[in-house]
């Protein structure tokens, strides 16, 4: 099993969610986040005062999938989240040792 974490621009969330559902990938967790990478924030003007916005709004999507669906998940997220501009985000993949469904006690891939 793999854990796929994607950090994307907030306005791309619906496109990514819809694309994942079309690819039969279900069971996502969405977390509102703030951060920066190469984008490094920007300067804004508020009531005549200039200030730096270091942490930009982002959305983090997490999903746990079987190994056989990894490439599909990466392709779907990358295509749906891409704008071609700086700050599009990142995708991280890590191994999951075990998954257990609390309600039934099912484990492994059956718990997904």
N, C-alpha and C. Protein backbone atom coordinates (compact mmCIF):
# COMPACT_ATOMS: atom_id res chain seq x y z
N UNK A 1 0.84 -1.18 0.00
CA UNK A 1 0.00 0.00 0.00
C UNK A 1 0.88 1.24 0.00
N UNK A 2 0.35 2.30 -0.58
CA UNK A 2 1.07 3.57 -0.66
C UNK A 2 0.21 4.70 -0.13
N UNK A 3 0.87 5.69 0.44
CA UNK A 3 0.22 6.93 0.83
C UNK A 3 0.66 7.99 -0.15
N UNK A 4 -0.31 8.64 -0.78
CA UNK A 4 -0.03 9.72 -1.73
C UNK A 4 -0.49 11.01 -1.07
N UNK A 5 0.44 11.94 -0.93
CA UNK A 5 0.13 13.26 -0.39
C UNK A 5 0.39 14.28 -1.49
N UNK A 6 -0.59 15.12 -1.75
CA UNK A 6 -0.44 16.15 -2.78
C UNK A 6 -0.76 17.50 -2.16
N UNK A 7 0.13 18.44 -2.36
CA UNK A 7 -0.11 19.81 -1.91
C UNK A 7 -0.38 20.62 -3.16
N UNK A 8 -1.57 21.20 -3.23
CA UNK A 8 -2.02 21.87 -4.45
C UNK A 8 -2.60 23.25 -4.13
N UNK A 9 -2.89 24.00 -5.18
CA UNK A 9 -3.57 25.29 -5.02
C UNK A 9 -5.03 25.03 -4.67
N UNK A 10 -5.59 25.82 -3.75
CA UNK A 10 -6.97 25.57 -3.29
C UNK A 10 -8.02 25.55 -4.40
N UNK A 11 -7.88 26.40 -5.40
CA UNK A 11 -8.91 26.45 -6.44
C UNK A 11 -8.88 25.24 -7.37
N UNK A 12 -7.87 24.38 -7.24
CA UNK A 12 -7.78 23.16 -8.04
C UNK A 12 -8.38 21.94 -7.33
N UNK A 13 -8.83 22.11 -6.10
CA UNK A 13 -9.32 20.98 -5.31
C UNK A 13 -10.47 20.25 -5.99
N UNK A 14 -11.48 20.96 -6.47
CA UNK A 14 -12.63 20.30 -7.08
C UNK A 14 -12.23 19.52 -8.33
N UNK A 15 -11.33 20.08 -9.13
CA UNK A 15 -10.88 19.37 -10.34
C UNK A 15 -10.14 18.09 -9.97
N UNK A 16 -9.28 18.16 -8.96
CA UNK A 16 -8.52 16.98 -8.54
C UNK A 16 -9.47 15.93 -7.96
N UNK A 17 -10.40 16.35 -7.11
CA UNK A 17 -11.36 15.42 -6.49
C UNK A 17 -12.18 14.72 -7.58
N UNK A 18 -12.70 15.49 -8.54
CA UNK A 18 -13.50 14.90 -9.62
C UNK A 18 -12.68 13.93 -10.46
N UNK A 19 -11.42 14.30 -10.75
CA UNK A 19 -10.56 13.43 -11.55
C UNK A 19 -10.25 12.13 -10.81
N UNK A 20 -10.04 12.21 -9.50
CA UNK A 20 -9.78 11.00 -8.71
C UNK A 20 -11.01 10.09 -8.70
N UNK A 21 -12.19 10.69 -8.58
CA UNK A 21 -13.42 9.89 -8.57
C UNK A 21 -13.64 9.22 -9.93
N UNK A 22 -13.34 9.93 -11.02
CA UNK A 22 -13.47 9.34 -12.35
C UNK A 22 -12.52 8.16 -12.54
N UNK A 23 -11.37 8.20 -11.86
CA UNK A 23 -10.39 7.12 -11.96
C UNK A 23 -10.67 6.03 -10.93
N UNK A 24 -11.82 6.08 -10.27
CA UNK A 24 -12.23 5.11 -9.25
C UNK A 24 -11.30 5.10 -8.04
N UNK A 25 -10.72 6.25 -7.72
CA UNK A 25 -9.90 6.39 -6.52
C UNK A 25 -10.74 7.13 -5.49
N UNK A 26 -11.05 6.45 -4.38
CA UNK A 26 -11.91 7.03 -3.37
C UNK A 26 -11.20 7.09 -2.04
N UNK A 27 -11.82 7.74 -1.10
CA UNK A 27 -11.27 7.78 0.25
C UNK A 27 -10.14 8.78 0.39
N UNK A 28 -10.44 10.06 0.16
CA UNK A 28 -9.40 11.07 0.30
C UNK A 28 -9.64 11.89 1.56
N UNK A 29 -8.56 12.43 2.08
CA UNK A 29 -8.60 13.36 3.20
C UNK A 29 -8.08 14.69 2.69
N UNK A 30 -8.77 15.77 3.03
CA UNK A 30 -8.37 17.10 2.58
C UNK A 30 -8.08 17.96 3.81
N UNK A 31 -6.93 18.61 3.80
CA UNK A 31 -6.50 19.45 4.91
C UNK A 31 -6.13 20.83 4.37
N UNK A 32 -6.67 21.88 4.97
CA UNK A 32 -6.26 23.23 4.60
C UNK A 32 -4.89 23.47 5.19
N UNK A 33 -4.00 24.04 4.38
CA UNK A 33 -2.63 24.25 4.83
C UNK A 33 -2.13 25.60 4.35
N UNK A 34 -1.01 26.02 4.91
CA UNK A 34 -0.33 27.22 4.45
C UNK A 34 1.15 26.88 4.35
N UNK A 35 1.80 27.44 3.35
CA UNK A 35 3.22 27.17 3.21
C UNK A 35 3.79 27.87 2.00
N UNK A 36 5.06 27.59 1.74
CA UNK A 36 5.72 28.14 0.57
C UNK A 36 6.91 27.28 0.20
N UNK A 37 7.26 27.33 -1.05
CA UNK A 37 8.44 26.64 -1.56
C UNK A 37 9.26 27.67 -2.30
N UNK A 38 9.48 27.44 -3.56
CA UNK A 38 10.21 28.41 -4.38
C UNK A 38 9.42 29.69 -4.58
N UNK A 39 8.11 29.60 -4.38
CA UNK A 39 7.21 30.73 -4.58
C UNK A 39 7.51 31.87 -3.59
N UNK A 40 7.87 31.51 -2.37
CA UNK A 40 8.32 32.42 -1.31
C UNK A 40 7.35 33.53 -0.92
N UNK A 41 6.09 33.44 -1.23
CA UNK A 41 5.13 34.45 -0.80
C UNK A 41 5.15 35.68 -1.68
N UNK A 42 4.47 36.72 -1.21
CA UNK A 42 4.39 37.95 -1.98
C UNK A 42 4.05 39.12 -1.05
N UNK A 43 4.14 40.33 -1.60
CA UNK A 43 3.84 41.54 -0.84
C UNK A 43 2.44 42.04 -1.20
N UNK A 44 1.69 42.46 -0.19
CA UNK A 44 0.35 43.00 -0.41
C UNK A 44 0.24 44.35 0.28
N UNK A 45 -0.75 45.11 -0.15
CA UNK A 45 -1.01 46.43 0.43
C UNK A 45 -2.37 46.38 1.11
N UNK A 46 -2.42 46.77 2.39
CA UNK A 46 -3.67 46.79 3.13
C UNK A 46 -3.77 48.11 3.88
N UNK A 47 -4.78 48.91 3.54
CA UNK A 47 -5.00 50.22 4.16
C UNK A 47 -3.75 51.06 4.17
N UNK A 48 -3.06 51.05 3.06
CA UNK A 48 -1.87 51.89 2.90
C UNK A 48 -0.60 51.31 3.47
N UNK A 49 -0.69 50.18 4.15
CA UNK A 49 0.51 49.56 4.73
C UNK A 49 0.88 48.32 3.91
N UNK A 50 2.14 48.23 3.60
CA UNK A 50 2.64 47.08 2.85
C UNK A 50 3.08 45.99 3.81
N UNK A 51 2.71 44.76 3.51
CA UNK A 51 3.14 43.65 4.36
C UNK A 51 3.42 42.42 3.49
N UNK A 52 4.23 41.53 4.02
CA UNK A 52 4.64 40.33 3.29
C UNK A 52 3.76 39.16 3.71
N UNK A 53 3.21 38.45 2.73
CA UNK A 53 2.45 37.23 2.98
C UNK A 53 3.42 36.08 2.72
N UNK A 54 3.99 35.53 3.80
CA UNK A 54 4.99 34.46 3.67
C UNK A 54 4.33 33.12 3.35
N UNK A 55 3.26 32.83 4.06
CA UNK A 55 2.63 31.53 3.92
C UNK A 55 1.41 31.65 3.03
N UNK A 56 1.45 30.96 1.92
CA UNK A 56 0.36 31.01 0.95
C UNK A 56 -0.63 29.90 1.21
N UNK A 57 -1.92 30.14 0.95
CA UNK A 57 -2.92 29.09 1.18
C UNK A 57 -2.72 27.92 0.22
N UNK A 58 -2.77 26.73 0.76
CA UNK A 58 -2.63 25.50 -0.01
C UNK A 58 -3.66 24.50 0.51
N UNK A 59 -3.81 23.40 -0.21
CA UNK A 59 -4.65 22.30 0.22
C UNK A 59 -3.80 21.03 0.14
N UNK A 60 -3.87 20.22 1.18
CA UNK A 60 -3.15 18.95 1.19
C UNK A 60 -4.16 17.83 1.06
N UNK A 61 -3.95 16.99 0.07
CA UNK A 61 -4.82 15.83 -0.17
C UNK A 61 -4.03 14.58 0.19
N UNK A 62 -4.65 13.69 0.94
CA UNK A 62 -4.01 12.42 1.28
C UNK A 62 -4.91 11.28 0.84
N UNK A 63 -4.32 10.25 0.25
CA UNK A 63 -5.08 9.04 -0.04
C UNK A 63 -4.16 7.84 0.10
N UNK A 64 -4.74 6.74 0.59
CA UNK A 64 -4.03 5.48 0.74
C UNK A 64 -4.58 4.55 -0.32
N UNK A 65 -3.68 3.97 -1.11
CA UNK A 65 -4.11 3.14 -2.24
C UNK A 65 -3.25 1.88 -2.33
N UNK A 66 -3.74 0.93 -3.09
CA UNK A 66 -2.95 -0.26 -3.39
C UNK A 66 -1.81 0.11 -4.33
N UNK A 67 -0.74 -0.67 -4.28
CA UNK A 67 0.43 -0.40 -5.12
C UNK A 67 0.07 -0.33 -6.60
N UNK A 68 -0.92 -1.11 -7.02
CA UNK A 68 -1.28 -1.17 -8.44
C UNK A 68 -1.93 0.12 -8.95
N UNK A 69 -2.41 0.97 -8.05
CA UNK A 69 -3.07 2.21 -8.46
C UNK A 69 -2.18 3.44 -8.36
N UNK A 70 -0.92 3.26 -7.97
CA UNK A 70 -0.03 4.39 -7.71
C UNK A 70 0.18 5.27 -8.94
N UNK A 71 0.57 4.68 -10.04
CA UNK A 71 0.85 5.48 -11.24
C UNK A 71 -0.39 6.23 -11.71
N UNK A 72 -1.55 5.58 -11.64
CA UNK A 72 -2.80 6.23 -12.03
C UNK A 72 -3.06 7.45 -11.14
N UNK A 73 -2.90 7.28 -9.84
CA UNK A 73 -3.15 8.38 -8.91
C UNK A 73 -2.23 9.55 -9.18
N UNK A 74 -0.95 9.28 -9.40
CA UNK A 74 0.01 10.35 -9.67
C UNK A 74 -0.35 11.09 -10.95
N UNK A 75 -0.64 10.36 -12.01
CA UNK A 75 -0.99 10.98 -13.29
C UNK A 75 -2.24 11.83 -13.17
N UNK A 76 -3.25 11.31 -12.50
CA UNK A 76 -4.53 12.02 -12.36
C UNK A 76 -4.35 13.32 -11.58
N UNK A 77 -3.64 13.24 -10.45
CA UNK A 77 -3.42 14.43 -9.63
C UNK A 77 -2.59 15.45 -10.38
N UNK A 78 -1.52 15.00 -11.00
CA UNK A 78 -0.63 15.92 -11.71
C UNK A 78 -1.37 16.65 -12.83
N UNK A 79 -2.15 15.92 -13.59
CA UNK A 79 -2.87 16.53 -14.72
C UNK A 79 -3.93 17.51 -14.23
N UNK A 80 -4.69 17.13 -13.20
CA UNK A 80 -5.78 17.98 -12.72
C UNK A 80 -5.30 19.21 -11.96
N UNK A 81 -4.16 19.11 -11.28
CA UNK A 81 -3.68 20.21 -10.44
C UNK A 81 -2.78 21.20 -11.17
N UNK A 82 -2.33 20.84 -12.34
CA UNK A 82 -1.34 21.66 -13.05
C UNK A 82 -1.94 22.92 -13.67
N UNK A 83 -1.29 24.05 -13.40
CA UNK A 83 -1.64 25.31 -14.07
C UNK A 83 -0.51 25.77 -14.97
N UNK A 84 0.69 25.21 -14.74
CA UNK A 84 1.85 25.62 -15.51
C UNK A 84 2.59 26.80 -14.90
N UNK A 85 2.11 27.24 -13.75
CA UNK A 85 2.76 28.38 -13.09
C UNK A 85 3.41 27.94 -11.78
N UNK A 86 4.32 28.74 -11.31
CA UNK A 86 5.01 28.43 -10.06
C UNK A 86 3.99 28.28 -8.93
N UNK A 87 4.24 27.34 -8.03
CA UNK A 87 3.35 27.12 -6.90
C UNK A 87 2.28 26.08 -7.14
N UNK A 88 2.39 25.32 -8.24
CA UNK A 88 1.38 24.28 -8.52
C UNK A 88 1.35 23.21 -7.44
N UNK A 89 2.46 22.98 -6.77
CA UNK A 89 2.48 22.04 -5.65
C UNK A 89 3.42 20.88 -5.84
N UNK A 90 3.26 19.89 -4.99
CA UNK A 90 4.12 18.71 -4.98
C UNK A 90 3.28 17.48 -4.68
N UNK A 91 3.81 16.32 -5.10
CA UNK A 91 3.21 15.03 -4.77
C UNK A 91 4.28 14.21 -4.06
N UNK A 92 3.91 13.63 -2.93
CA UNK A 92 4.82 12.79 -2.16
C UNK A 92 4.22 11.39 -2.06
N UNK A 93 5.05 10.37 -2.13
CA UNK A 93 4.60 8.99 -2.03
C UNK A 93 5.42 8.30 -0.93
N UNK A 94 4.71 7.59 -0.05
CA UNK A 94 5.40 6.83 0.99
C UNK A 94 4.72 5.47 1.16
N UNK A 95 5.45 4.55 1.75
CA UNK A 95 4.93 3.21 2.00
C UNK A 95 4.05 3.20 3.25
N UNK A 96 3.02 2.38 3.21
CA UNK A 96 2.15 2.17 4.37
C UNK A 96 2.30 0.72 4.79
N UNK A 97 2.64 0.52 6.04
CA UNK A 97 2.87 -0.83 6.55
C UNK A 97 1.56 -1.58 6.80
N UNK A 98 0.58 -0.88 7.32
CA UNK A 98 -0.66 -1.55 7.69
C UNK A 98 -1.81 -0.55 7.70
N UNK A 99 -3.00 -1.04 7.44
CA UNK A 99 -4.23 -0.27 7.54
C UNK A 99 -5.27 -1.16 8.20
N UNK A 100 -6.03 -0.58 9.12
CA UNK A 100 -7.05 -1.34 9.83
C UNK A 100 -8.33 -0.52 9.86
N UNK A 101 -9.42 -1.13 9.42
CA UNK A 101 -10.73 -0.48 9.51
C UNK A 101 -11.24 -0.69 10.93
N UNK A 102 -11.46 0.39 11.65
CA UNK A 102 -11.84 0.32 13.05
C UNK A 102 -13.17 -0.41 13.23
N UNK A 103 -14.15 -0.10 12.40
CA UNK A 103 -15.50 -0.67 12.57
C UNK A 103 -15.52 -2.19 12.46
N UNK A 104 -14.81 -2.76 11.48
CA UNK A 104 -14.92 -4.20 11.21
C UNK A 104 -13.69 -5.00 11.60
N UNK A 105 -12.57 -4.31 11.79
CA UNK A 105 -11.32 -5.01 12.10
C UNK A 105 -10.59 -5.50 10.87
N UNK A 106 -11.15 -5.22 9.67
CA UNK A 106 -10.46 -5.64 8.45
C UNK A 106 -9.09 -4.96 8.39
N UNK A 107 -8.14 -5.64 7.77
CA UNK A 107 -6.81 -5.07 7.70
C UNK A 107 -6.24 -5.19 6.28
N UNK A 108 -5.13 -4.50 6.07
CA UNK A 108 -4.49 -4.52 4.76
C UNK A 108 -5.33 -3.82 3.71
N UNK A 109 -5.25 -4.32 2.49
CA UNK A 109 -5.95 -3.71 1.36
C UNK A 109 -7.46 -3.77 1.55
N UNK A 110 -7.96 -4.76 2.31
CA UNK A 110 -9.41 -4.87 2.57
C UNK A 110 -9.93 -3.70 3.41
N UNK A 111 -9.06 -3.08 4.18
CA UNK A 111 -9.47 -1.97 5.02
C UNK A 111 -9.66 -0.67 4.24
N UNK A 112 -9.13 -0.64 3.04
CA UNK A 112 -9.24 0.58 2.24
C UNK A 112 -10.61 0.66 1.64
